C-alpha atoms as a PDB file:
ATOM      1  CA  MET A   1     -27.409 -20.502  19.081  1.00  0.00           C
ATOM      2  CA  ALA A   2     -30.775 -19.145  18.259  1.00  0.00           C
ATOM      3  CA  PRO A   3     -33.622 -18.679  20.602  1.00  0.00           C
ATOM      4  CA  GLY A   4     -35.238 -22.316  21.211  1.00  0.00           C
ATOM      5  CA  GLY A   5     -31.889 -24.198  20.816  1.00  0.00           C
ATOM      6  CA  ARG A   6     -32.075 -23.915  16.969  1.00  0.00           C
ATOM      7  CA  ARG A   7     -28.514 -23.450  15.329  1.00  0.00           C
ATOM      8  CA  LEU A   8     -28.092 -20.358  13.328  1.00  0.00           C
ATOM      9  CA  PRO A   9     -27.249 -20.698   9.863  1.00  0.00           C
ATOM     10  CA  VAL A  10     -23.627 -20.308   8.629  1.00  0.00           C
ATOM     11  CA  VAL A  11     -23.610 -16.911   7.614  1.00  0.00           C
ATOM     12  CA  GLN A  12     -25.594 -15.676  10.204  1.00  0.00           C
ATOM     13  CA  ARG A  13     -23.233 -17.409  12.871  1.00  0.00           C
ATOM     14  CA  ALA A  14     -20.100 -15.545  11.178  1.00  0.00           C
ATOM     15  CA  LEU A  15     -21.837 -12.243  11.557  1.00  0.00           C
ATOM     16  CA  VAL A  16     -22.523 -12.758  15.227  1.00  0.00           C
ATOM     17  CA  SER A  17     -20.164 -11.203  17.804  1.00  0.00           C
ATOM     18  CA  ARG A  18     -20.121  -9.565  21.079  1.00  0.00           C
ATOM     19  CA  ARG A  19     -19.016  -6.149  19.621  1.00  0.00           C
ATOM     20  CA  PRO A  20     -21.136  -2.968  20.966  1.00  0.00           C
ATOM     21  CA  GLU A  21     -23.537  -1.806  18.608  1.00  0.00           C
ATOM     22  CA  TRP A  22     -22.252   1.667  18.895  1.00  0.00           C
ATOM     23  CA  ALA A  23     -18.472   0.168  17.744  1.00  0.00           C
ATOM     24  CA  THR A  24     -19.947  -1.854  14.958  1.00  0.00           C
ATOM     25  CA  ALA A  25     -22.183   1.465  13.838  1.00  0.00           C
ATOM     26  CA  THR A  26     -18.800   3.306  13.963  1.00  0.00           C
ATOM     27  CA  LEU A  27     -16.469   0.635  12.212  1.00  0.00           C
ATOM     28  CA  TRP A  28     -19.534   0.448   9.305  1.00  0.00           C
ATOM     29  CA  ALA A  29     -19.598   4.481   8.766  1.00  0.00           C
ATOM     30  CA  LEU A  30     -15.818   4.491   8.328  1.00  0.00           C
ATOM     31  CA  THR A  31     -15.582   1.375   6.208  1.00  0.00           C
ATOM     32  CA  LEU A  32     -18.385   2.956   4.031  1.00  0.00           C
ATOM     33  CA  ILE A  33     -16.360   6.334   4.207  1.00  0.00           C
ATOM     34  CA  LEU A  34     -13.146   4.736   3.008  1.00  0.00           C
ATOM     35  CA  LEU A  35     -15.259   2.728  -0.038  1.00  0.00           C
ATOM     36  CA  ALA A  36     -16.665   5.815  -1.123  1.00  0.00           C
ATOM     37  CA  ALA A  37     -13.536   7.897  -0.965  1.00  0.00           C
ATOM     38  CA  PHE A  38     -11.973   5.054  -3.221  1.00  0.00           C
ATOM     39  CA  THR A  39     -15.027   5.303  -5.503  1.00  0.00           C
ATOM     40  CA  ALA A  40     -14.636   9.073  -5.844  1.00  0.00           C
ATOM     41  CA  ILE A  41     -10.596   9.079  -6.514  1.00  0.00           C
ATOM     42  CA  ALA A  42     -11.016   6.362  -8.871  1.00  0.00           C
ATOM     43  CA  HIS A  43     -13.864   8.178 -10.967  1.00  0.00           C
ATOM     44  CA  ASP A  44     -11.768  11.664 -11.132  1.00  0.00           C
ATOM     45  CA  VAL A  45      -8.584   9.118 -12.173  1.00  0.00           C
ATOM     46  CA  TYR A  46     -10.996   7.429 -14.809  1.00  0.00           C
ATOM     47  CA  VAL A  47     -12.393  10.836 -15.845  1.00  0.00           C
ATOM     48  CA  HIS A  48      -9.661  13.166 -15.901  1.00  0.00           C
ATOM     49  CA  HIS A  49      -6.853  11.325 -15.690  1.00  0.00           C
ATOM     50  CA  ALA A  50      -4.974  13.544 -12.811  1.00  0.00           C
ATOM     51  CA  LEU A  51      -6.326  15.526  -9.917  1.00  0.00           C
ATOM     52  CA  ALA A  52      -5.940  18.945  -9.056  1.00  0.00           C
ATOM     53  CA  PHE A  53      -3.603  18.468  -6.324  1.00  0.00           C
ATOM     54  CA  ASP A  54      -1.408  15.714  -7.909  1.00  0.00           C
ATOM     55  CA  ARG A  55       0.873  18.114  -9.961  1.00  0.00           C
ATOM     56  CA  SER A  56       1.201  20.528  -7.025  1.00  0.00           C
ATOM     57  CA  MET A  57       2.168  18.043  -4.393  1.00  0.00           C
ATOM     58  CA  LEU A  58       4.939  16.340  -6.600  1.00  0.00           C
ATOM     59  CA  THR A  59       6.427  19.476  -7.448  1.00  0.00           C
ATOM     60  CA  ALA A  60       6.338  20.588  -3.388  1.00  0.00           C
ATOM     61  CA  LEU A  61       7.790  16.976  -2.756  1.00  0.00           C
ATOM     62  CA  HIS A  62      10.594  17.441  -5.703  1.00  0.00           C
ATOM     63  CA  HIS A  63      11.783  21.079  -4.189  1.00  0.00           C
ATOM     64  CA  ALA A  64      11.939  19.115  -0.616  1.00  0.00           C
ATOM     65  CA  VAL A  65      14.488  16.430  -1.994  1.00  0.00           C
ATOM     66  CA  THR A  66      17.440  16.022  -0.096  1.00  0.00           C
ATOM     67  CA  PRO A  67      19.896  13.042   0.261  1.00  0.00           C
ATOM     68  CA  ALA A  68      19.244  12.171   3.747  1.00  0.00           C
ATOM     69  CA  LEU A  69      15.137  12.532   3.156  1.00  0.00           C
ATOM     70  CA  THR A  70      15.951  10.361  -0.339  1.00  0.00           C
ATOM     71  CA  ALA A  71      17.773   7.810   2.033  1.00  0.00           C
ATOM     72  CA  VAL A  72      14.660   7.454   4.538  1.00  0.00           C
ATOM     73  CA  ALA A  73      12.656   7.127   1.587  1.00  0.00           C
ATOM     74  CA  VAL A  74      14.117   4.654  -0.073  1.00  0.00           C
ATOM     75  CA  ALA A  75      14.515   2.509   3.025  1.00  0.00           C
ATOM     76  CA  LEU A  76      10.757   2.849   3.689  1.00  0.00           C
ATOM     77  CA  THR A  77       9.614   1.757   0.176  1.00  0.00           C
ATOM     78  CA  ASP A  78      11.676  -1.246   0.665  1.00  0.00           C
ATOM     79  CA  ILE A  79      10.330  -1.998   3.743  1.00  0.00           C
ATOM     80  CA  GLY A  80       6.724  -1.637   2.442  1.00  0.00           C
ATOM     81  CA  ASP A  81       7.536  -3.796  -0.748  1.00  0.00           C
ATOM     82  CA  PRO A  82       5.474  -6.588  -1.905  1.00  0.00           C
ATOM     83  CA  THR A  83       8.269  -8.778  -1.585  1.00  0.00           C
ATOM     84  CA  VAL A  84       8.718  -7.949   2.130  1.00  0.00           C
ATOM     85  CA  ILE A  85       4.788  -7.887   2.843  1.00  0.00           C
ATOM     86  CA  ALA A  86       3.790 -11.256   1.188  1.00  0.00           C
ATOM     87  CA  PRO A  87       6.119 -13.192   3.158  1.00  0.00           C
ATOM     88  CA  ALA A  88       5.266 -11.374   6.395  1.00  0.00           C
ATOM     89  CA  THR A  89       1.641 -12.232   5.785  1.00  0.00           C
ATOM     90  CA  ALA A  90       2.825 -15.893   5.155  1.00  0.00           C
ATOM     91  CA  VAL A  91       4.294 -16.189   8.331  1.00  0.00           C
ATOM     92  CA  VAL A  92       1.464 -14.590  10.447  1.00  0.00           C
ATOM     93  CA  ILE A  93      -0.904 -17.192   8.780  1.00  0.00           C
ATOM     94  CA  ALA A  94       1.393 -20.082   9.475  1.00  0.00           C
ATOM     95  CA  ALA A  95       1.747 -18.855  13.159  1.00  0.00           C
ATOM     96  CA  LEU A  96      -1.935 -18.742  13.475  1.00  0.00           C
ATOM     97  CA  ALA A  97      -2.813 -22.076  11.858  1.00  0.00           C
ATOM     98  CA  LEU A  98       0.011 -23.847  13.970  1.00  0.00           C
ATOM     99  CA  ALA A  99      -1.615 -21.988  16.690  1.00  0.00           C
ATOM    100  CA  ARG A 100      -4.964 -23.765  15.411  1.00  0.00           C
ATOM    101  CA  ARG A 101      -6.213 -20.244  15.476  1.00  0.00           C
ATOM    102  CA  TRP A 102      -8.004 -21.543  11.915  1.00  0.00           C
ATOM    103  CA  ARG A 103     -10.346 -18.707  11.961  1.00  0.00           C
ATOM    104  CA  TRP A 104      -7.986 -16.125  12.331  1.00  0.00           C
ATOM    105  CA  ALA A 105      -5.833 -17.364   9.983  1.00  0.00           C
ATOM    106  CA  THR A 106      -8.269 -17.579   7.434  1.00  0.00           C
ATOM    107  CA  LEU A 107      -9.524 -13.889   8.316  1.00  0.00           C
ATOM    108  CA  VAL A 108      -6.180 -12.650   7.876  1.00  0.00           C
ATOM    109  CA  ALA A 109      -5.668 -14.379   4.501  1.00  0.00           C
ATOM    110  CA  LEU A 110      -8.822 -12.722   3.054  1.00  0.00           C
ATOM    111  CA  GLU A 111      -8.039  -9.523   4.491  1.00  0.00           C
ATOM    112  CA  VAL A 112      -4.527  -9.258   3.362  1.00  0.00           C
ATOM    113  CA  GLY A 113      -4.916 -11.443   0.036  1.00  0.00           C
ATOM    114  CA  GLY A 114      -8.134  -9.853  -0.804  1.00  0.00           C
ATOM    115  CA  ALA A 115      -6.774  -6.574  -0.767  1.00  0.00           C
ATOM    116  CA  ALA A 116      -3.522  -7.497  -3.165  1.00  0.00           C
ATOM    117  CA  ALA A 117      -5.799  -9.050  -5.535  1.00  0.00           C
ATOM    118  CA  LEU A 118      -8.300  -5.767  -5.828  1.00  0.00           C
ATOM    119  CA  ASP A 119      -5.492  -3.919  -6.028  1.00  0.00           C
ATOM    120  CA  LEU A 120      -3.904  -5.865  -9.060  1.00  0.00           C
ATOM    121  CA  ALA A 121      -7.286  -5.866 -10.568  1.00  0.00           C
ATOM    122  CA  THR A 122      -7.788  -1.886 -10.101  1.00  0.00           C
ATOM    123  CA  LYS A 123      -4.431  -1.775 -11.473  1.00  0.00           C
ATOM    124  CA  THR A 124      -5.062  -3.664 -14.749  1.00  0.00           C
ATOM    125  CA  PHE A 125      -8.368  -1.795 -15.358  1.00  0.00           C
ATOM    126  CA  PHE A 126      -7.292   1.760 -14.852  1.00  0.00           C
ATOM    127  CA  ALA A 127      -3.533   1.158 -16.502  1.00  0.00           C
ATOM    128  CA  ARG A 128      -2.638   4.454 -15.424  1.00  0.00           C
ATOM    129  CA  PRO A 129       1.053   5.414 -16.155  1.00  0.00           C
ATOM    130  CA  ARG A 130       3.516   6.407 -13.682  1.00  0.00           C
ATOM    131  CA  PRO A 131       4.125   9.748 -13.109  1.00  0.00           C
ATOM    132  CA  THR A 132       6.527  11.764 -15.536  1.00  0.00           C
ATOM    133  CA  LEU A 133       6.649  15.170 -13.784  1.00  0.00           C
ATOM    134  CA  TYR A 134      10.359  14.833 -12.504  1.00  0.00           C
ATOM    135  CA  PRO A 135      12.693  11.970 -12.682  1.00  0.00           C
ATOM    136  CA  HIS A 136      12.320   9.095 -10.642  1.00  0.00           C
ATOM    137  CA  LEU A 137      14.598   8.593  -7.630  1.00  0.00           C
ATOM    138  CA  VAL A 138      14.181   5.049  -7.794  1.00  0.00           C
ATOM    139  CA  HIS A 139      13.606   2.372 -10.726  1.00  0.00           C
ATOM    140  CA  GLU A 140       9.906   1.195 -10.573  1.00  0.00           C
ATOM    141  CA  THR A 141       7.938  -0.665 -13.349  1.00  0.00           C
ATOM    142  CA  GLY A 142       4.419  -1.341 -13.574  1.00  0.00           C
ATOM    143  CA  PHE A 143       0.969   0.868 -13.397  1.00  0.00           C
ATOM    144  CA  SER A 144       0.484   3.408 -10.820  1.00  0.00           C
ATOM    145  CA  PHE A 145      -3.069   3.298  -9.561  1.00  0.00           C
ATOM    146  CA  PRO A 146      -3.844   2.519  -6.683  1.00  0.00           C
ATOM    147  CA  SER A 147      -0.349   2.030  -5.254  1.00  0.00           C
ATOM    148  CA  GLY A 148       0.375  -1.578  -4.168  1.00  0.00           C
ATOM    149  CA  HIS A 149       2.751  -0.478  -1.441  1.00  0.00           C
ATOM    150  CA  ALA A 150       0.043   1.665   0.241  1.00  0.00           C
ATOM    151  CA  THR A 151      -2.776  -0.867  -0.518  1.00  0.00           C
ATOM    152  CA  GLY A 152      -1.017  -3.676   0.928  1.00  0.00           C
ATOM    153  CA  ASP A 153       1.151  -2.030   3.820  1.00  0.00           C
ATOM    154  CA  LEU A 154      -2.076  -0.536   5.308  1.00  0.00           C
ATOM    155  CA  ALA A 155      -4.081  -4.089   4.845  1.00  0.00           C
ATOM    156  CA  PHE A 156      -1.257  -5.864   6.347  1.00  0.00           C
ATOM    157  CA  PHE A 157      -0.768  -3.705   9.262  1.00  0.00           C
ATOM    158  CA  LEU A 158      -4.626  -3.123  10.062  1.00  0.00           C
ATOM    159  CA  ALA A 159      -5.144  -6.612   9.852  1.00  0.00           C
ATOM    160  CA  LEU A 160      -2.312  -7.255  12.370  1.00  0.00           C
ATOM    161  CA  GLN A 161      -3.887  -4.247  14.546  1.00  0.00           C
ATOM    162  CA  LEU A 162      -7.250  -6.183  14.507  1.00  0.00           C
ATOM    163  CA  LEU A 163      -5.709  -9.543  15.315  1.00  0.00           C
ATOM    164  CA  ALA A 164      -3.906  -7.762  18.159  1.00  0.00           C
ATOM    165  CA  TRP A 165      -6.712  -6.312  19.635  1.00  0.00           C
ATOM    166  CA  HIS A 166      -8.802  -9.249  19.621  1.00  0.00           C
ATOM    167  CA  ALA A 167      -6.997 -12.102  20.209  1.00  0.00           C
ATOM    168  CA  LEU A 168      -3.787 -11.040  21.824  1.00  0.00           C
ATOM    169  CA  PRO A 169      -2.932  -9.558  25.399  1.00  0.00           C
ATOM    170  CA  PRO A 170      -3.466  -6.276  26.277  1.00  0.00           C
ATOM    171  CA  ARG A 171       0.217  -5.441  26.501  1.00  0.00           C
ATOM    172  CA  TRP A 172       0.453  -6.323  22.767  1.00  0.00           C
ATOM    173  CA  ARG A 173      -2.438  -4.435  21.495  1.00  0.00           C
ATOM    174  CA  TRP A 174      -1.047  -1.379  20.651  1.00  0.00           C
ATOM    175  CA  LEU A 175       1.649  -2.474  18.760  1.00  0.00           C
ATOM    176  CA  GLY A 176      -0.194  -2.767  15.542  1.00  0.00           C
ATOM    177  CA  VAL A 177      -0.497   1.155  15.558  1.00  0.00           C
ATOM    178  CA  LEU A 178       2.764   1.399  15.161  1.00  0.00           C
ATOM    179  CA  GLY A 179       2.272  -0.783  12.343  1.00  0.00           C
ATOM    180  CA  ILE A 180      -0.294   1.522  10.643  1.00  0.00           C
ATOM    181  CA  LEU A 181       2.223   4.400  11.136  1.00  0.00           C
ATOM    182  CA  LEU A 182       4.695   2.583   9.432  1.00  0.00           C
ATOM    183  CA  ALA A 183       2.551   1.878   6.661  1.00  0.00           C
ATOM    184  CA  LEU A 184       1.559   5.739   6.339  1.00  0.00           C
ATOM    185  CA  ALA A 185       5.030   6.451   5.978  1.00  0.00           C
ATOM    186  CA  CYS A 186       5.541   4.011   3.441  1.00  0.00           C
ATOM    187  CA  GLY A 187       2.861   5.436   1.306  1.00  0.00           C
ATOM    188  CA  ILE A 188       3.977   8.667   1.667  1.00  0.00           C
ATOM    189  CA  SER A 189       7.688   7.699   0.439  1.00  0.00           C
ATOM    190  CA  ARG A 190       6.482   6.729  -2.908  1.00  0.00           C
ATOM    191  CA  PRO A 191       5.550  10.293  -4.325  1.00  0.00           C
ATOM    192  CA  TYR A 192       8.515  11.486  -2.814  1.00  0.00           C
ATOM    193  CA  LEU A 193      10.502   9.313  -4.935  1.00  0.00           C
ATOM    194  CA  GLN A 194       8.237  10.780  -7.784  1.00  0.00           C
ATOM    195  CA  ILE A 195       7.015   7.000  -8.763  1.00  0.00           C
ATOM    196  CA  HIS A 196       3.418   7.484  -7.817  1.00  0.00           C
ATOM    197  CA  TYR A 197       1.085  10.430  -7.917  1.00  0.00           C
ATOM    198  CA  PRO A 198      -0.263  11.309  -4.211  1.00  0.00           C
ATOM    199  CA  SER A 199      -4.091  10.192  -5.760  1.00  0.00           C
ATOM    200  CA  ASP A 200      -2.271   6.579  -5.941  1.00  0.00           C
ATOM    201  CA  ILE A 201      -1.508   6.796  -2.143  1.00  0.00           C
ATOM    202  CA  LEU A 202      -4.986   8.065  -1.114  1.00  0.00           C
ATOM    203  CA  ALA A 203      -6.772   5.627  -3.198  1.00  0.00           C
ATOM    204  CA  GLY A 204      -4.781   2.615  -1.977  1.00  0.00           C
ATOM    205  CA  TRP A 205      -4.941   3.823   1.694  1.00  0.00           C
ATOM    206  CA  ALA A 206      -8.917   3.840   1.375  1.00  0.00           C
ATOM    207  CA  LEU A 207      -8.679   0.393  -0.262  1.00  0.00           C
ATOM    208  CA  GLY A 208      -6.910  -1.185   1.501  1.00  0.00           C
ATOM    209  CA  ALA A 209      -8.127  -0.161   4.733  1.00  0.00           C
ATOM    210  CA  GLY A 210     -11.777  -0.346   3.377  1.00  0.00           C
ATOM    211  CA  TRP A 211     -11.370  -4.221   2.567  1.00  0.00           C
ATOM    212  CA  VAL A 212      -9.810  -4.892   5.825  1.00  0.00           C
ATOM    213  CA  LEU A 213     -12.543  -3.439   7.784  1.00  0.00           C
ATOM    214  CA  LEU A 214     -15.458  -4.587   5.301  1.00  0.00           C
ATOM    215  CA  MET A 215     -13.939  -8.396   5.753  1.00  0.00           C
ATOM    216  CA  HIS A 216     -13.590  -7.782   9.403  1.00  0.00           C
ATOM    217  CA  LEU A 217     -17.218  -6.619  10.259  1.00  0.00           C
ATOM    218  CA  LEU A 218     -18.575  -9.589   7.959  1.00  0.00           C
ATOM    219  CA  LEU A 219     -16.665 -12.219   8.944  1.00  0.00           C
ATOM    220  CA  TYR A 220     -15.086 -11.796  12.520  1.00  0.00           C
ATOM    221  CA  ARG A 221     -16.915 -13.654  15.452  1.00  0.00           C
ATOM    222  CA  SER A 222     -15.544 -13.675  18.994  1.00  0.00           C
ATOM    223  CA  ASP A 223     -14.979 -16.653  20.668  1.00  0.00           C
END
């Protein structure tokens, strides 16, 4: 309620939370840094088509290939595949809806679904071919920039971390951190397999995390 008993407009109510001012300022700064990083990488990809470190990192990863590392990388890339993340997101949204946590169900849908839509639109716009410097270690199709695995995985697990932190008992709040570490590992597996440039992964992480934090800052309101 506004001072004097008047109800706040819907948008203003959505922006109200009990988050400390320093925390809000920190999240806004991190969000802007992530989105600025994505913009900078996207600009370089659009103008120069490849970043200076892409070739050297792909070469280093190619020389680091072993059967054991390849098996781990394939497992990670399978775990982070959209065919896994999309159903997992649907399960989380359904569980929240069954628990009548409508606000959280909507927020998770916007965070993860919005990140996936942005990734698809960006891929279509840039139409960057996948790297061909070395043979691909797994079959992959579609455009390269930004990485859908990096974008979607980090968006999903960061959304879960925010959900756990705000809506679950304290003992569950750090589980999302393990998910975020898994998302980072899944992202690293992609250039190891020679199916993404490192810049694709960095841009995907920045886009996914930046979008989730932006949605959270704009739409989250504590009960």
